[in-house]
Amino acid sequence: MIEFLKDEALGIWIAGGWLMGPLFVLGLVIYFSVFQLYFQLQARPSTKIDPNLWGHWVDSPADAQGETGRIIRFTQMEPVSVESIRLRFAEVRSAMLSMPTRRLKFLTIIVGTAPLTGLLGTVAGMLTTFGGLSAGSGSDTVGTIAGGISEALITTETGLVLAIPAYVALSRIKRMLEDLELFITKLETATLKRHLHTSADAD
């Protein structure tokens, strides 16, 4: 069974022509980068914390734990003011969201090149097919035409197979980034409310 699959894969690889090599490398780059970014965001515990718990942490920063605790203590360092809280949360957003957002944009561009590379293979295959048609008749001509058609179809299919699951994964990553940004906004709002409430009590 394994030998059969190997033979089939090798046959598809050869029939796909020279563009199968670049598509293979492109696929490795895409999925390594996508999974790396996904697991990096998945490892952040912030968005999974019970709102009642982190709400308590905002009121009592000394009790706060983990990454969320570090954010809370950083944004409530002395001196505390509305402006300082906003500036510190802007730093938190920059530190936590800037790089993943840039990588998401880069990955979207890279994934978009997969079907385009497959389309280039389609053009190359059709050129081979037309070359075979113009050569006349005979068994060699039929083989050339069949090879050109195979190359055109296989590279197109490979490009789409690479791109479609990657786009699904990127949409999930985008949702994770939006959830993280929403969490930071909720944390900022709770911190500002606490500061304003504390200031009003002091007056």
Protein backbone atom coordinates (compact mmCIF):
# COMPACT_ATOMS: atom_id res chain seq x y z
CA MET A 1 0.00 0.00 0.00
CA ILE A 2 2.77 2.39 0.95
CA GLU A 3 4.74 1.51 -2.19
CA PHE A 4 1.64 2.10 -4.29
CA LEU A 5 1.11 5.53 -2.75
CA LYS A 6 4.77 6.37 -3.29
CA ASP A 7 4.53 5.37 -6.94
CA GLU A 8 1.34 7.39 -7.39
CA ALA A 9 2.85 10.45 -5.72
CA LEU A 10 5.99 10.17 -7.83
CA GLY A 11 3.90 9.82 -10.98
CA ILE A 12 1.87 12.92 -10.11
CA TRP A 13 5.05 14.83 -9.26
CA ILE A 14 6.65 13.99 -12.62
CA ALA A 15 3.45 14.68 -14.57
CA GLY A 16 3.15 18.09 -12.92
CA GLY A 17 6.35 19.32 -14.50
CA TRP A 18 9.11 21.56 -13.20
CA LEU A 19 6.73 23.84 -11.25
CA MET A 20 5.98 21.09 -8.72
CA GLY A 21 9.33 21.87 -7.05
CA PRO A 22 8.54 25.56 -6.41
CA LEU A 23 5.01 24.61 -5.31
CA PHE A 24 6.43 22.12 -2.81
CA VAL A 25 8.80 24.72 -1.34
CA LEU A 26 5.99 27.29 -1.27
CA GLY A 27 3.74 24.82 0.56
CA LEU A 28 6.42 24.19 3.21
CA VAL A 29 6.88 27.93 3.78
CA ILE A 30 3.13 28.58 3.96
CA TYR A 31 2.19 25.82 6.39
CA PHE A 32 5.24 26.18 8.62
CA SER A 33 4.51 29.91 9.00
CA VAL A 34 0.74 29.43 9.42
CA PHE A 35 1.08 26.77 12.14
CA GLN A 36 3.83 28.72 13.90
CA LEU A 37 1.63 31.83 14.11
CA TYR A 38 -1.45 29.80 15.08
CA PHE A 39 0.25 28.03 17.99
CA GLN A 40 1.91 31.26 19.09
CA LEU A 41 -1.52 32.89 19.44
CA GLN A 42 -3.07 29.73 20.87
CA ALA A 43 -0.50 29.76 23.66
CA ARG A 44 -1.69 33.13 24.92
CA PRO A 45 -4.01 32.40 27.87
CA SER A 46 -5.49 35.88 28.14
CA THR A 47 -8.71 35.43 26.17
CA LYS A 48 -9.56 32.17 28.00
CA ILE A 49 -9.63 33.70 31.48
CA ASP A 50 -12.98 34.09 33.25
CA PRO A 51 -14.05 37.78 33.05
CA ASN A 52 -14.96 37.71 36.74
CA LEU A 53 -11.42 36.62 37.58
CA TRP A 54 -9.57 39.22 35.55
CA GLY A 55 -12.12 41.80 36.75
CA HIS A 56 -11.02 40.97 40.30
CA TRP A 57 -7.38 41.25 39.20
CA VAL A 58 -8.00 44.77 37.87
CA ASP A 59 -9.32 45.74 41.33
CA SER A 60 -6.50 43.88 43.11
CA PRO A 61 -3.40 43.88 40.87
CA ALA A 62 -1.34 42.06 43.53
CA ASP A 63 -3.52 38.95 43.01
CA ALA A 64 -3.14 38.96 39.22
CA GLN A 65 -1.27 36.07 37.62
CA GLY A 66 0.37 35.18 34.34
CA GLU A 67 0.53 37.33 31.25
CA THR A 68 -2.70 39.12 32.14
CA GLY A 69 -1.30 39.92 35.56
CA ARG A 70 1.80 41.48 34.02
CA ILE A 71 -0.39 43.63 31.78
CA ILE A 72 -2.54 44.77 34.71
CA ARG A 73 0.42 45.64 36.91
CA PHE A 74 2.19 47.43 34.05
CA THR A 75 -0.83 49.57 33.18
CA GLN A 76 -1.48 50.47 36.83
CA MET A 77 2.08 51.47 37.73
CA GLU A 78 2.55 54.80 39.46
CA PRO A 79 1.89 57.49 38.45
CA VAL A 80 -1.60 56.48 37.39
CA SER A 81 -3.75 58.76 35.28
CA VAL A 82 -6.21 58.37 32.41
CA GLU A 83 -3.52 59.42 29.96
CA SER A 84 -0.88 57.07 31.39
CA ILE A 85 -3.30 54.14 31.32
CA ARG A 86 -4.15 54.78 27.67
CA LEU A 87 -0.50 55.17 26.70
CA ARG A 88 0.46 51.94 28.46
CA PHE A 89 -2.36 50.00 26.83
CA ALA A 90 -1.21 51.40 23.49
CA GLU A 91 2.20 49.89 24.25
CA VAL A 92 0.56 46.58 25.16
CA ARG A 93 -1.34 46.53 21.86
CA SER A 94 1.82 47.31 19.94
CA ALA A 95 3.77 44.56 21.72
CA MET A 96 1.08 41.88 21.42
CA LEU A 97 -0.62 42.67 18.11
CA SER A 98 1.80 44.44 15.77
CA MET A 99 4.02 41.51 14.82
CA PRO A 100 1.21 38.92 14.44
CA THR A 101 -0.78 41.40 12.35
CA ARG A 102 2.19 42.03 10.05
CA ARG A 103 2.81 38.31 9.73
CA LEU A 104 -0.86 37.70 8.92
CA LYS A 105 -0.70 40.25 6.08
CA PHE A 106 2.52 38.69 4.77
CA LEU A 107 1.03 35.19 4.91
CA THR A 108 -2.09 36.34 3.07
CA ILE A 109 0.13 37.54 0.22
CA ILE A 110 2.22 34.34 0.21
CA VAL A 111 -0.85 32.09 0.20
CA GLY A 112 -2.23 34.08 -2.73
CA THR A 113 0.82 33.14 -4.80
CA ALA A 114 0.01 29.41 -4.63
CA PRO A 115 -2.94 29.41 -7.08
CA LEU A 116 -1.06 31.91 -9.27
CA THR A 117 1.90 29.54 -9.42
CA GLY A 118 -0.52 26.78 -10.33
CA LEU A 119 -1.93 29.00 -13.08
CA LEU A 120 1.59 29.48 -14.42
CA GLY A 121 1.82 25.70 -14.63
CA THR A 122 -1.47 25.68 -16.54
CA VAL A 123 -0.03 28.09 -19.09
CA ALA A 124 3.16 26.03 -19.39
CA GLY A 125 1.13 22.85 -19.85
CA MET A 126 -1.08 24.40 -22.52
CA LEU A 127 1.99 25.62 -24.39
CA THR A 128 3.30 22.04 -24.35
CA THR A 129 -0.09 20.83 -25.59
CA PHE A 130 -0.22 23.33 -28.43
CA GLY A 131 3.35 22.44 -29.33
CA GLY A 132 2.32 18.81 -29.63
CA LEU A 133 -0.69 19.71 -31.77
CA SER A 134 1.42 21.74 -34.15
CA ALA A 135 3.94 18.91 -34.51
CA GLY A 136 1.51 16.74 -36.44
CA SER A 137 0.29 13.21 -35.73
CA GLY A 138 1.82 10.08 -34.27
CA SER A 139 2.30 8.37 -30.93
CA ASP A 140 4.95 10.89 -29.78
CA THR A 141 2.59 13.76 -30.51
CA VAL A 142 -0.24 12.13 -28.56
CA GLY A 143 2.14 11.59 -25.62
CA THR A 144 3.24 15.23 -25.73
CA ILE A 145 -0.35 16.47 -25.78
CA ALA A 146 -1.34 14.18 -22.89
CA GLY A 147 1.71 15.29 -20.89
CA GLY A 148 0.87 18.96 -21.47
CA ILE A 149 -2.72 18.48 -20.34
CA SER A 150 -1.58 16.57 -17.23
CA GLU A 151 0.88 19.32 -16.34
CA ALA A 152 -1.79 21.99 -16.78
CA LEU A 153 -4.33 20.21 -14.57
CA ILE A 154 -1.99 18.93 -11.85
CA THR A 155 -0.26 22.25 -11.16
CA THR A 156 -3.59 24.09 -11.01
CA GLU A 157 -5.02 21.52 -8.60
CA THR A 158 -1.87 21.59 -6.45
CA GLY A 159 -1.99 25.38 -6.18
CA LEU A 160 -5.62 25.26 -5.05
CA VAL A 161 -5.00 22.40 -2.61
CA LEU A 162 -2.24 24.47 -1.00
CA ALA A 163 -4.23 27.72 -0.90
CA ILE A 164 -7.73 26.72 0.25
CA PRO A 165 -6.86 25.11 3.65
CA ALA A 166 -4.33 27.90 4.26
CA TYR A 167 -7.02 30.55 3.74
CA VAL A 168 -9.27 28.72 6.22
CA ALA A 169 -6.43 28.70 8.78
CA LEU A 170 -5.72 32.40 8.16
CA SER A 171 -9.37 33.27 8.80
CA ARG A 172 -9.11 31.45 12.15
CA ILE A 173 -5.90 33.33 12.98
CA LYS A 174 -7.58 36.61 12.10
CA ARG A 175 -10.43 35.77 14.49
CA MET A 176 -7.92 34.97 17.25
CA LEU A 177 -6.25 38.35 16.74
CA GLU A 178 -9.63 40.10 16.89
CA ASP A 179 -10.46 38.24 20.13
CA LEU A 180 -7.12 39.28 21.63
CA GLU A 181 -7.62 42.90 20.64
CA LEU A 182 -11.15 42.83 22.12
CA PHE A 183 -9.79 41.38 25.36
CA ILE A 184 -7.19 44.17 25.65
CA THR A 185 -9.91 46.77 25.00
CA LYS A 186 -12.12 45.26 27.73
CA LEU A 187 -9.16 45.24 30.10
CA GLU A 188 -8.42 48.89 29.31
CA THR A 189 -12.05 49.89 29.86
CA ALA A 190 -12.16 48.09 33.23
CA THR A 191 -8.88 49.69 34.29
CA LEU A 192 -10.08 53.18 33.35
CA LYS A 193 -13.37 52.65 35.21
CA ARG A 194 -11.48 51.52 38.31
CA HIS A 195 -9.18 54.55 38.15
CA LEU A 196 -12.07 56.99 37.68
CA HIS A 197 -14.02 55.33 40.52
CA THR A 198 -10.99 55.46 42.82
CA SER A 199 -10.36 59.11 41.93
CA ALA A 200 -14.01 60.00 42.62
CA ASP A 201 -13.87 58.27 46.02
CA ALA A 202 -10.68 60.12 46.89
CA ASP A 203 -12.31 63.48 46.09
